[in-house]
Amino acid sequence: GSLRLSCAASGNVFTIDTMGWYRQAPEKQRELVATISSDGHT
């Protein structure tokens, strides 16, 4: 199946450079899922 997650940012959003998603499963360390930089690199 599919899901669409969304993150809503507020505050001083114009200072944001890189944005991304991480995840943490039970008994595991937090790990990178995906990032996107200010120039669009993923």
PDB file of all heavy atoms in Angstrom:
ATOM      1  N   GLY A   1       0.800  -1.203   0.000  1.00  0.00           N
ATOM      2  CA  GLY A   1       0.000   0.000   0.000  1.00  0.00           C
ATOM      3  C   GLY A   1       0.837   1.258   0.000  1.00  0.00           C
ATOM      4  O   GLY A   1       2.068   1.220  -0.034  1.00  0.00           O
ATOM      5  N   SER A   2       0.152   2.396   0.062  1.00  0.00           N
ATOM      6  CA  SER A   2       0.811   3.693  -0.007  1.00  0.00           C
ATOM      7  C   SER A   2       0.324   4.611   1.099  1.00  0.00           C
ATOM      8  O   SER A   2      -0.814   4.497   1.573  1.00  0.00           O
ATOM      9  CB  SER A   2       0.545   4.361  -1.357  1.00  0.00           C
ATOM     10  OG  SER A   2       1.070   3.611  -2.425  1.00  0.00           O
ATOM     11  N   LEU A   3       1.192   5.505   1.509  1.00  0.00           N
ATOM     12  CA  LEU A   3       0.863   6.579   2.428  1.00  0.00           C
ATOM     13  C   LEU A   3       1.574   7.842   1.976  1.00  0.00           C
ATOM     14  O   LEU A   3       2.647   7.769   1.379  1.00  0.00           O
ATOM     15  CB  LEU A   3       1.289   6.259   3.862  1.00  0.00           C
ATOM     16  CG  LEU A   3       0.419   5.340   4.713  1.00  0.00           C
ATOM     17  CD1 LEU A   3       1.100   5.085   6.050  1.00  0.00           C
ATOM     18  CD2 LEU A   3      -0.961   5.938   4.924  1.00  0.00           C
ATOM     19  N   ARG A   4       0.977   8.976   2.285  1.00  0.00           N
ATOM     20  CA  ARG A   4       1.596  10.260   2.015  1.00  0.00           C
ATOM     21  C   ARG A   4       1.720  11.020   3.328  1.00  0.00           C
ATOM     22  O   ARG A   4       0.716  11.447   3.900  1.00  0.00           O
ATOM     23  CB  ARG A   4       0.788  11.074   1.009  1.00  0.00           C
ATOM     24  CG  ARG A   4       1.452  12.398   0.599  1.00  0.00           C
ATOM     25  CD  ARG A   4       0.625  13.121  -0.456  1.00  0.00           C
ATOM     26  NE  ARG A   4       1.172  14.410  -0.823  1.00  0.00           N
ATOM     27  CZ  ARG A   4       2.081  14.612  -1.769  1.00  0.00           C
ATOM     28  NH1 ARG A   4       2.563  13.580  -2.450  1.00  0.00           N
ATOM     29  NH2 ARG A   4       2.518  15.836  -2.042  1.00  0.00           N
ATOM     30  N   LEU A   5       2.942  11.167   3.803  1.00  0.00           N
ATOM     31  CA  LEU A   5       3.208  11.948   4.991  1.00  0.00           C
ATOM     32  C   LEU A   5       3.403  13.413   4.618  1.00  0.00           C
ATOM     33  O   LEU A   5       3.823  13.736   3.513  1.00  0.00           O
ATOM     34  CB  LEU A   5       4.456  11.441   5.713  1.00  0.00           C
ATOM     35  CG  LEU A   5       4.491   9.965   6.104  1.00  0.00           C
ATOM     36  CD1 LEU A   5       5.765   9.669   6.881  1.00  0.00           C
ATOM     37  CD2 LEU A   5       3.265   9.581   6.911  1.00  0.00           C
ATOM     38  N   SER A   6       3.108  14.285   5.563  1.00  0.00           N
ATOM     39  CA  SER A   6       3.320  15.699   5.345  1.00  0.00           C
ATOM     40  C   SER A   6       3.838  16.336   6.623  1.00  0.00           C
ATOM     41  O   SER A   6       3.406  15.987   7.720  1.00  0.00           O
ATOM     42  CB  SER A   6       2.024  16.393   4.902  1.00  0.00           C
ATOM     43  OG  SER A   6       2.249  17.769   4.625  1.00  0.00           O
ATOM     44  N   CYS A   7       4.763  17.242   6.475  1.00  0.00           N
ATOM     45  CA  CYS A   7       5.306  18.011   7.584  1.00  0.00           C
ATOM     46  C   CYS A   7       4.988  19.477   7.355  1.00  0.00           C
ATOM     47  O   CYS A   7       5.353  20.036   6.309  1.00  0.00           O
ATOM     48  CB  CYS A   7       6.814  17.804   7.695  1.00  0.00           C
ATOM     49  SG  CYS A   7       7.618  18.827   8.949  1.00  0.00           S
ATOM     50  N   ALA A   8       4.307  20.079   8.308  1.00  0.00           N
ATOM     51  CA  ALA A   8       3.980  21.496   8.238  1.00  0.00           C
ATOM     52  C   ALA A   8       4.969  22.280   9.093  1.00  0.00           C
ATOM     53  O   ALA A   8       5.097  22.025  10.290  1.00  0.00           O
ATOM     54  CB  ALA A   8       2.555  21.746   8.703  1.00  0.00           C
ATOM     55  N   ALA A   9       5.659  23.211   8.480  1.00  0.00           N
ATOM     56  CA  ALA A   9       6.649  24.034   9.164  1.00  0.00           C
ATOM     57  C   ALA A   9       6.102  25.432   9.386  1.00  0.00           C
ATOM     58  O   ALA A   9       5.424  25.998   8.525  1.00  0.00           O
ATOM     59  CB  ALA A   9       7.946  24.106   8.363  1.00  0.00           C
ATOM     60  N   SER A  10       6.398  25.984  10.545  1.00  0.00           N
ATOM     61  CA  SER A  10       5.981  27.339  10.861  1.00  0.00           C
ATOM     62  C   SER A  10       7.086  28.026  11.651  1.00  0.00           C
ATOM     63  O   SER A  10       8.009  27.389  12.148  1.00  0.00           O
ATOM     64  CB  SER A  10       4.666  27.356  11.643  1.00  0.00           C
ATOM     65  OG  SER A  10       4.793  26.656  12.871  1.00  0.00           O
ATOM     66  N   GLY A  11       6.970  29.320  11.779  1.00  0.00           N
ATOM     67  CA  GLY A  11       7.995  30.104  12.430  1.00  0.00           C
ATOM     68  C   GLY A  11       8.892  30.762  11.403  1.00  0.00           C
ATOM     69  O   GLY A  11       8.429  31.213  10.356  1.00  0.00           O
ATOM     70  N   ASN A  12      10.182  30.781  11.683  1.00  0.00           N
ATOM     71  CA  ASN A  12      11.139  31.432  10.798  1.00  0.00           C
ATOM     72  C   ASN A  12      11.565  30.460   9.697  1.00  0.00           C
ATOM     73  O   ASN A  12      12.714  30.007   9.647  1.00  0.00           O
ATOM     74  CB  ASN A  12      12.346  31.928  11.587  1.00  0.00           C
ATOM     75  CG  ASN A  12      13.225  32.860  10.770  1.00  0.00           C
ATOM     76  OD1 ASN A  12      12.862  33.277   9.673  1.00  0.00           O
ATOM     77  ND2 ASN A  12      14.392  33.186  11.310  1.00  0.00           N
ATOM     78  N   VAL A  13      10.634  30.150   8.802  1.00  0.00           N
ATOM     79  CA  VAL A  13      10.883  29.142   7.776  1.00  0.00           C
ATOM     80  C   VAL A  13      11.904  29.601   6.746  1.00  0.00           C
ATOM     81  O   VAL A  13      12.489  28.765   6.047  1.00  0.00           O
ATOM     82  CB  VAL A  13       9.580  28.725   7.077  1.00  0.00           C
ATOM     83  CG1 VAL A  13       8.618  28.099   8.069  1.00  0.00           C
ATOM     84  CG2 VAL A  13       8.934  29.919   6.382  1.00  0.00           C
ATOM     85  N   PHE A  14      12.147  30.889   6.644  1.00  0.00           N
ATOM     86  CA  PHE A  14      13.092  31.378   5.649  1.00  0.00           C
ATOM     87  C   PHE A  14      14.541  31.090   6.016  1.00  0.00           C
ATOM     88  O   PHE A  14      15.429  31.285   5.186  1.00  0.00           O
ATOM     89  CB  PHE A  14      12.881  32.876   5.419  1.00  0.00           C
ATOM     90  CG  PHE A  14      11.536  33.206   4.853  1.00  0.00           C
ATOM     91  CD1 PHE A  14      10.543  33.742   5.653  1.00  0.00           C
ATOM     92  CD2 PHE A  14      11.251  32.963   3.521  1.00  0.00           C
ATOM     93  CE1 PHE A  14       9.292  34.035   5.144  1.00  0.00           C
ATOM     94  CE2 PHE A  14      10.005  33.252   2.991  1.00  0.00           C
ATOM     95  CZ  PHE A  14       9.022  33.793   3.806  1.00  0.00           C
ATOM     96  N   THR A  15      14.786  30.636   7.224  1.00  0.00           N
ATOM     97  CA  THR A  15      16.129  30.239   7.628  1.00  0.00           C
ATOM     98  C   THR A  15      16.421  28.771   7.344  1.00  0.00           C
ATOM     99  O   THR A  15      17.539  28.321   7.562  1.00  0.00           O
ATOM    100  CB  THR A  15      16.346  30.500   9.123  1.00  0.00           C
ATOM    101  OG1 THR A  15      15.469  29.669   9.895  1.00  0.00           O
ATOM    102  CG2 THR A  15      16.066  31.962   9.455  1.00  0.00           C
ATOM    103  N   ILE A  16      15.428  28.021   6.866  1.00  0.00           N
ATOM    104  CA  ILE A  16      15.577  26.584   6.664  1.00  0.00           C
ATOM    105  C   ILE A  16      16.462  26.300   5.459  1.00  0.00           C
ATOM    106  O   ILE A  16      16.278  26.875   4.393  1.00  0.00           O
ATOM    107  CB  ILE A  16      14.206  25.909   6.496  1.00  0.00           C
ATOM    108  CG1 ILE A  16      13.406  26.012   7.794  1.00  0.00           C
ATOM    109  CG2 ILE A  16      14.372  24.454   6.076  1.00  0.00           C
ATOM    110  CD1 ILE A  16      11.994  25.476   7.681  1.00  0.00           C
ATOM    111  N   ASP A  17      17.399  25.385   5.643  1.00  0.00           N
ATOM    112  CA  ASP A  17      18.261  24.933   4.556  1.00  0.00           C
ATOM    113  C   ASP A  17      17.798  23.543   4.095  1.00  0.00           C
ATOM    114  O   ASP A  17      16.973  23.426   3.202  1.00  0.00           O
ATOM    115  CB  ASP A  17      19.722  24.913   5.012  1.00  0.00           C
ATOM    116  CG  ASP A  17      20.677  24.601   3.879  1.00  0.00           C
ATOM    117  OD1 ASP A  17      20.239  24.481   2.724  1.00  0.00           O
ATOM    118  OD2 ASP A  17      21.887  24.468   4.152  1.00  0.00           O
ATOM    119  N   THR A  18      18.300  22.513   4.739  1.00  0.00           N
ATOM    120  CA  THR A  18      17.924  21.150   4.390  1.00  0.00           C
ATOM    121  C   THR A  18      16.686  20.717   5.179  1.00  0.00           C
ATOM    122  O   THR A  18      16.540  21.039   6.357  1.00  0.00           O
ATOM    123  CB  THR A  18      19.087  20.190   4.670  1.00  0.00           C
ATOM    124  OG1 THR A  18      20.208  20.566   3.862  1.00  0.00           O
ATOM    125  CG2 THR A  18      18.702  18.754   4.347  1.00  0.00           C
ATOM    126  N   MET A  19      15.808  19.967   4.524  1.00  0.00           N
ATOM    127  CA  MET A  19      14.653  19.370   5.160  1.00  0.00           C
ATOM    128  C   MET A  19      14.671  17.872   4.867  1.00  0.00           C
ATOM    129  O   MET A  19      15.250  17.435   3.868  1.00  0.00           O
ATOM    130  CB  MET A  19      13.348  19.980   4.652  1.00  0.00           C
ATOM    131  CG  MET A  19      13.297  21.493   4.725  1.00  0.00           C
ATOM    132  SD  MET A  19      11.727  22.193   4.140  1.00  0.00           S
ATOM    133  CE  MET A  19      10.630  21.691   5.475  1.00  0.00           C
ATOM    134  N   GLY A  20      14.037  17.088   5.723  1.00  0.00           N
ATOM    135  CA  GLY A  20      14.040  15.667   5.471  1.00  0.00           C
ATOM    136  C   GLY A  20      13.174  14.876   6.418  1.00  0.00           C
ATOM    137  O   GLY A  20      12.472  15.423   7.275  1.00  0.00           O
ATOM    138  N   TRP A  21      13.222  13.573   6.227  1.00  0.00           N
ATOM    139  CA  TRP A  21      12.494  12.620   7.040  1.00  0.00           C
ATOM    140  C   TRP A  21      13.445  11.564   7.577  1.00  0.00           C
ATOM    141  O   TRP A  21      14.312  11.057   6.848  1.00  0.00           O
ATOM    142  CB  TRP A  21      11.393  11.919   6.235  1.00  0.00           C
ATOM    143  CG  TRP A  21      10.235  12.798   5.897  1.00  0.00           C
ATOM    144  CD1 TRP A  21      10.059  13.551   4.784  1.00  0.00           C
ATOM    145  CD2 TRP A  21       9.058  12.993   6.695  1.00  0.00           C
ATOM    146  NE1 TRP A  21       8.860  14.216   4.824  1.00  0.00           N
ATOM    147  CE2 TRP A  21       8.223  13.892   5.992  1.00  0.00           C
ATOM    148  CE3 TRP A  21       8.637  12.502   7.930  1.00  0.00           C
ATOM    149  CZ2 TRP A  21       6.986  14.300   6.479  1.00  0.00           C
ATOM    150  CZ3 TRP A  21       7.410  12.909   8.425  1.00  0.00           C
ATOM    151  CH2 TRP A  21       6.605  13.800   7.699  1.00  0.00           C
ATOM    152  N   TYR A  22      13.306  11.254   8.845  1.00  0.00           N
ATOM    153  CA  TYR A  22      14.005  10.163   9.502  1.00  0.00           C
ATOM    154  C   TYR A  22      12.971   9.228  10.104  1.00  0.00           C
ATOM    155  O   TYR A  22      11.793   9.581  10.223  1.00  0.00           O
ATOM    156  CB  TYR A  22      14.944  10.690  10.590  1.00  0.00           C
ATOM    157  CG  TYR A  22      16.175  11.399  10.065  1.00  0.00           C
ATOM    158  CD1 TYR A  22      16.074  12.630   9.428  1.00  0.00           C
ATOM    159  CD2 TYR A  22      17.442  10.842  10.216  1.00  0.00           C
ATOM    160  CE1 TYR A  22      17.196  13.286   8.945  1.00  0.00           C
ATOM    161  CE2 TYR A  22      18.571  11.494   9.747  1.00  0.00           C
ATOM    162  CZ  TYR A  22      18.437  12.708   9.115  1.00  0.00           C
ATOM    163  OH  TYR A  22      19.561  13.358   8.649  1.00  0.00           O
ATOM    164  N   ARG A  23      13.398   8.036  10.489  1.00  0.00           N
ATOM    165  CA  ARG A  23      12.482   7.100  11.113  1.00  0.00           C
ATOM    166  C   ARG A  23      13.205   6.291  12.174  1.00  0.00           C
ATOM    167  O   ARG A  23      14.427   6.135  12.134  1.00  0.00           O
ATOM    168  CB  ARG A  23      11.847   6.168  10.080  1.00  0.00           C
ATOM    169  CG  ARG A  23      12.818   5.182   9.431  1.00  0.00           C
ATOM    170  CD  ARG A  23      12.133   4.427   8.303  1.00  0.00           C
ATOM    171  NE  ARG A  23      13.011   3.427   7.699  1.00  0.00           N
ATOM    172  CZ  ARG A  23      12.722   2.741   6.605  1.00  0.00           C
ATOM    173  NH1 ARG A  23      11.560   2.936   5.977  1.00  0.00           N
ATOM    174  NH2 ARG A  23      13.581   1.852   6.125  1.00  0.00           N
ATOM    175  N   GLN A  24      12.432   5.779  13.115  1.00  0.00           N
ATOM    176  CA  GLN A  24      12.982   4.955  14.178  1.00  0.00           C
ATOM    177  C   GLN A  24      12.021   3.810  14.466  1.00  0.00           C
ATOM    178  O   GLN A  24      10.881   4.033  14.866  1.00  0.00           O
ATOM    179  CB  GLN A  24      13.231   5.766  15.442  1.00  0.00           C
ATOM    180  CG  GLN A  24      13.948   4.994  16.528  1.00  0.00           C
ATOM    181  CD  GLN A  24      14.449   5.889  17.643  1.00  0.00           C
ATOM    182  OE1 GLN A  24      14.028   7.034  17.774  1.00  0.00           O
ATOM    183  NE2 GLN A  24      15.359   5.379  18.451  1.00  0.00           N
ATOM    184  N   ALA A  25      12.495   2.602  14.243  1.00  0.00           N
ATOM    185  CA  ALA A  25      11.735   1.402  14.539  1.00  0.00           C
ATOM    186  C   ALA A  25      12.043   0.938  15.957  1.00  0.00           C
ATOM    187  O   ALA A  25      13.075   1.310  16.528  1.00  0.00           O
ATOM    188  CB  ALA A  25      12.065   0.301  13.532  1.00  0.00           C
ATOM    189  N   PRO A  26      11.171   0.120  16.543  1.00  0.00           N
ATOM    190  CA  PRO A  26      11.436  -0.373  17.895  1.00  0.00           C
ATOM    191  C   PRO A  26      12.790  -1.065  17.985  1.00  0.00           C
ATOM    192  O   PRO A  26      13.161  -1.856  17.122  1.00  0.00           O
ATOM    193  CB  PRO A  26      10.291  -1.352  18.145  1.00  0.00           C
ATOM    194  CG  PRO A  26       9.186  -0.863  17.264  1.00  0.00           C
ATOM    195  CD  PRO A  26       9.863  -0.337  16.038  1.00  0.00           C
ATOM    196  N   GLU A  27      13.523  -0.752  19.028  1.00  0.00           N
ATOM    197  CA  GLU A  27      14.822  -1.355  19.316  1.00  0.00           C
ATOM    198  C   GLU A  27      15.862  -1.073  18.234  1.00  0.00           C
ATOM    199  O   GLU A  27      16.849  -1.803  18.109  1.00  0.00           O
ATOM    200  CB  GLU A  27      14.682  -2.863  19.538  1.00  0.00           C
ATOM    201  CG  GLU A  27      13.744  -3.224  20.675  1.00  0.00           C
ATOM    202  CD  GLU A  27      13.634  -4.713  20.900  1.00  0.00           C
ATOM    203  OE1 GLU A  27      14.209  -5.490  20.117  1.00  0.00           O
ATOM    204  OE2 GLU A  27      12.984  -5.113  21.871  1.00  0.00           O
ATOM    205  N   LYS A  28      15.657  -0.025  17.465  1.00  0.00           N
ATOM    206  CA  LYS A  28      16.626   0.379  16.456  1.00  0.00           C
ATOM    207  C   LYS A  28      16.933   1.866  16.599  1.00  0.00           C
ATOM    208  O   LYS A  28      16.164   2.619  17.181  1.00  0.00           O
ATOM    209  CB  LYS A  28      16.117   0.082  15.044  1.00  0.00           C
ATOM    210  CG  LYS A  28      15.966  -1.393  14.719  1.00  0.00           C
ATOM    211  CD  LYS A  28      15.562  -1.595  13.277  1.00  0.00           C
ATOM    212  CE  LYS A  28      15.453  -3.063  12.930  1.00  0.00           C
ATOM    213  NZ  LYS A  28      15.055  -3.263  11.509  1.00  0.00           N
ATOM    214  N   GLN A  29      18.073   2.260  16.053  1.00  0.00           N
ATOM    215  CA  GLN A  29      18.449   3.665  16.068  1.00  0.00           C
ATOM    216  C   GLN A  29      17.693   4.440  14.995  1.00  0.00           C
ATOM    217  O   GLN A  29      17.249   3.880  13.992  1.00  0.00           O
ATOM    218  CB  GLN A  29      19.957   3.814  15.858  1.00  0.00           C
ATOM    219  CG  GLN A  29      20.810   3.273  16.993  1.00  0.00           C
ATOM    220  CD  GLN A  29      22.286   3.533  16.766  1.00  0.00           C
ATOM    221  OE1 GLN A  29      22.763   3.542  15.638  1.00  0.00           O
ATOM    222  NE2 GLN A  29      23.015   3.735  17.847  1.00  0.00           N
ATOM    223  N   ARG A  30      17.562   5.734  15.227  1.00  0.00           N
ATOM    224  CA  ARG A  30      16.951   6.587  14.220  1.00  0.00           C
ATOM    225  C   ARG A  30      17.823   6.610  12.968  1.00  0.00           C
ATOM    226  O   ARG A  30      19.050   6.716  13.052  1.00  0.00           O
ATOM    227  CB  ARG A  30      16.757   7.993  14.771  1.00  0.00           C
ATOM    228  CG  ARG A  30      15.968   8.911  13.849  1.00  0.00           C
ATOM    229  CD  ARG A  30      15.674  10.250  14.513  1.00  0.00           C
ATOM    230  NE  ARG A  30      14.849  10.090  15.710  1.00  0.00           N
ATOM    231  CZ  ARG A  30      14.359  11.101  16.414  1.00  0.00           C
ATOM    232  NH1 ARG A  30      14.611  12.355  16.041  1.00  0.00           N
ATOM    233  NH2 ARG A  30      13.633  10.864  17.496  1.00  0.00           N
ATOM    234  N   GLU A  31      17.192   6.518  11.802  1.00  0.00           N
ATOM    235  CA  GLU A  31      17.921   6.452  10.556  1.00  0.00           C
ATOM    236  C   GLU A  31      17.335   7.416   9.532  1.00  0.00           C
ATOM    237  O   GLU A  31      16.140   7.713   9.547  1.00  0.00           O
ATOM    238  CB  GLU A  31      17.908   5.027   9.985  1.00  0.00           C
ATOM    239  CG  GLU A  31      16.527   4.514   9.637  1.00  0.00           C
ATOM    240  CD  GLU A  31      16.528   3.061   9.195  1.00  0.00           C
ATOM    241  OE1 GLU A  31      17.499   2.339   9.507  1.00  0.00           O
ATOM    242  OE2 GLU A  31      15.551   2.637   8.534  1.00  0.00           O
ATOM    243  N   LEU A  32      18.191   7.873   8.652  1.00  0.00           N
ATOM    244  CA  LEU A  32      17.762   8.763   7.580  1.00  0.00           C
ATOM    245  C   LEU A  32      16.882   8.015   6.593  1.00  0.00           C
ATOM    246  O   LEU A  32      17.186   6.887   6.208  1.00  0.00           O
ATOM    247  CB  LEU A  32      18.977   9.357   6.866  1.00  0.00           C
ATOM    248  CG  LEU A  32      18.722  10.317   5.708  1.00  0.00           C
ATOM    249  CD1 LEU A  32      19.803  11.390   5.671  1.00  0.00           C
ATOM    250  CD2 LEU A  32      18.697   9.577   4.377  1.00  0.00           C
ATOM    251  N   VAL A  33      15.796   8.657   6.179  1.00  0.00           N
ATOM    252  CA  VAL A  33      14.950   8.145   5.107  1.00  0.00           C
ATOM    253  C   VAL A  33      15.238   8.904   3.824  1.00  0.00           C
ATOM    254  O   VAL A  33      15.594   8.317   2.803  1.00  0.00           O
ATOM    255  CB  VAL A  33      13.461   8.238   5.458  1.00  0.00           C
ATOM    256  CG1 VAL A  33      12.604   7.744   4.296  1.00  0.00           C
ATOM    257  CG2 VAL A  33      13.162   7.455   6.728  1.00  0.00           C
ATOM    258  N   ALA A  34      15.081  10.219   3.864  1.00  0.00           N
ATOM    259  CA  ALA A  34      15.313  11.050   2.697  1.00  0.00           C
ATOM    260  C   ALA A  34      15.500  12.488   3.131  1.00  0.00           C
ATOM    261  O   ALA A  34      14.910  12.934   4.115  1.00  0.00           O
ATOM    262  CB  ALA A  34      14.150  10.957   1.704  1.00  0.00           C
ATOM    263  N   THR A  35      16.325  13.219   2.403  1.00  0.00           N
ATOM    264  CA  THR A  35      16.507  14.647   2.632  1.00  0.00           C
ATOM    265  C   THR A  35      16.442  15.380   1.303  1.00  0.00           C
ATOM    266  O   THR A  35      16.665  14.794   0.237  1.00  0.00           O
ATOM    267  CB  THR A  35      17.842  14.977   3.320  1.00  0.00           C
ATOM    268  OG1 THR A  35      18.926  14.524   2.512  1.00  0.00           O
ATOM    269  CG2 THR A  35      17.914  14.338   4.700  1.00  0.00           C
ATOM    270  N   ILE A  36      16.148  16.661   1.386  1.00  0.00           N
ATOM    271  CA  ILE A  36      16.158  17.525   0.215  1.00  0.00           C
ATOM    272  C   ILE A  36      16.762  18.858   0.636  1.00  0.00           C
ATOM    273  O   ILE A  36      16.371  19.455   1.638  1.00  0.00           O
ATOM    274  CB  ILE A  36      14.752  17.683  -0.401  1.00  0.00           C
ATOM    275  CG1 ILE A  36      14.816  18.535  -1.665  1.00  0.00           C
ATOM    276  CG2 ILE A  36      13.759  18.241   0.614  1.00  0.00           C
ATOM    277  CD1 ILE A  36      13.532  18.458  -2.496  1.00  0.00           C
ATOM    278  N   SER A  37      17.736  19.323  -0.125  1.00  0.00           N
ATOM    279  CA  SER A  37      18.437  20.550   0.191  1.00  0.00           C
ATOM    280  C   SER A  37      17.727  21.745  -0.428  1.00  0.00           C
ATOM    281  O   SER A  37      16.776  21.611  -1.201  1.00  0.00           O
ATOM    282  CB  SER A  37      19.888  20.480  -0.291  1.00  0.00           C
ATOM    283  OG  SER A  37      19.942  20.372  -1.699  1.00  0.00           O
ATOM    284  N   SER A  38      18.219  22.933  -0.097  1.00  0.00           N
ATOM    285  CA  SER A  38      17.596  24.151  -0.591  1.00  0.00           C
ATOM    286  C   SER A  38      17.704  24.290  -2.105  1.00  0.00           C
ATOM    287  O   SER A  38      16.883  24.980  -2.716  1.00  0.00           O
ATOM    288  CB  SER A  38      18.219  25.376   0.082  1.00  0.00           C
ATOM    289  OG  SER A  38      19.613  25.445  -0.159  1.00  0.00           O
ATOM    290  N   ASP A  39      18.692  23.646  -2.704  1.00  0.00           N
ATOM    291  CA  ASP A  39      18.833  23.693  -4.156  1.00  0.00           C
ATOM    292  C   ASP A  39      18.135  22.532  -4.850  1.00  0.00           C
ATOM    293  O   ASP A  39      18.288  22.354  -6.062  1.00  0.00           O
ATOM    294  CB  ASP A  39      20.305  23.742  -4.565  1.00  0.00           C
ATOM    295  CG  ASP A  39      21.097  22.538  -4.107  1.00  0.00           C
ATOM    296  OD1 ASP A  39      20.515  21.630  -3.488  1.00  0.00           O
ATOM    297  OD2 ASP A  39      22.315  22.502  -4.364  1.00  0.00           O
ATOM    298  N   GLY A  40      17.382  21.731  -4.094  1.00  0.00           N
ATOM    299  CA  GLY A  40      16.595  20.664  -4.672  1.00  0.00           C
ATOM    300  C   GLY A  40      17.265  19.313  -4.743  1.00  0.00           C
ATOM    301  O   GLY A  40      16.639  18.355  -5.214  1.00  0.00           O
ATOM    302  N   HIS A  41      18.501  19.197  -4.304  1.00  0.00           N
ATOM    303  CA  HIS A  41      19.175  17.905  -4.305  1.00  0.00           C
ATOM    304  C   HIS A  41      18.541  16.973  -3.278  1.00  0.00           C
ATOM    305  O   HIS A  41      18.281  17.374  -2.142  1.00  0.00           O
ATOM    306  CB  HIS A  41      20.657  18.067  -4.003  1.00  0.00           C
ATOM    307  CG  HIS A  41      21.451  18.679  -5.120  1.00  0.00           C
ATOM    308  ND1 HIS A  41      20.905  19.015  -6.326  1.00  0.00           N
ATOM    309  CD2 HIS A  41      22.765  19.012  -5.192  1.00  0.00           C
ATOM    310  CE1 HIS A  41      21.840  19.542  -7.108  1.00  0.00           C
ATOM    311  NE2 HIS A  41      22.974  19.545  -6.432  1.00  0.00           N
ATOM    312  N   THR A  42      18.293  15.740  -3.671  1.00  0.00           N
ATOM    313  CA  THR A  42      17.681  14.754  -2.800  1.00  0.00           C
ATOM    314  C   THR A  42      18.657  13.648  -2.460  1.00  0.00           C
ATOM    315  O   THR A  42      19.587  13.351  -3.218  1.00  0.00           O
ATOM    316  CB  THR A  42      16.430  14.142  -3.437  1.00  0.00           C
ATOM    317  OG1 THR A  42      16.774  13.557  -4.700  1.00  0.00           O
ATOM    318  CG2 THR A  42      15.367  15.211  -3.659  1.00  0.00           C
TER     319      THR A  42
END
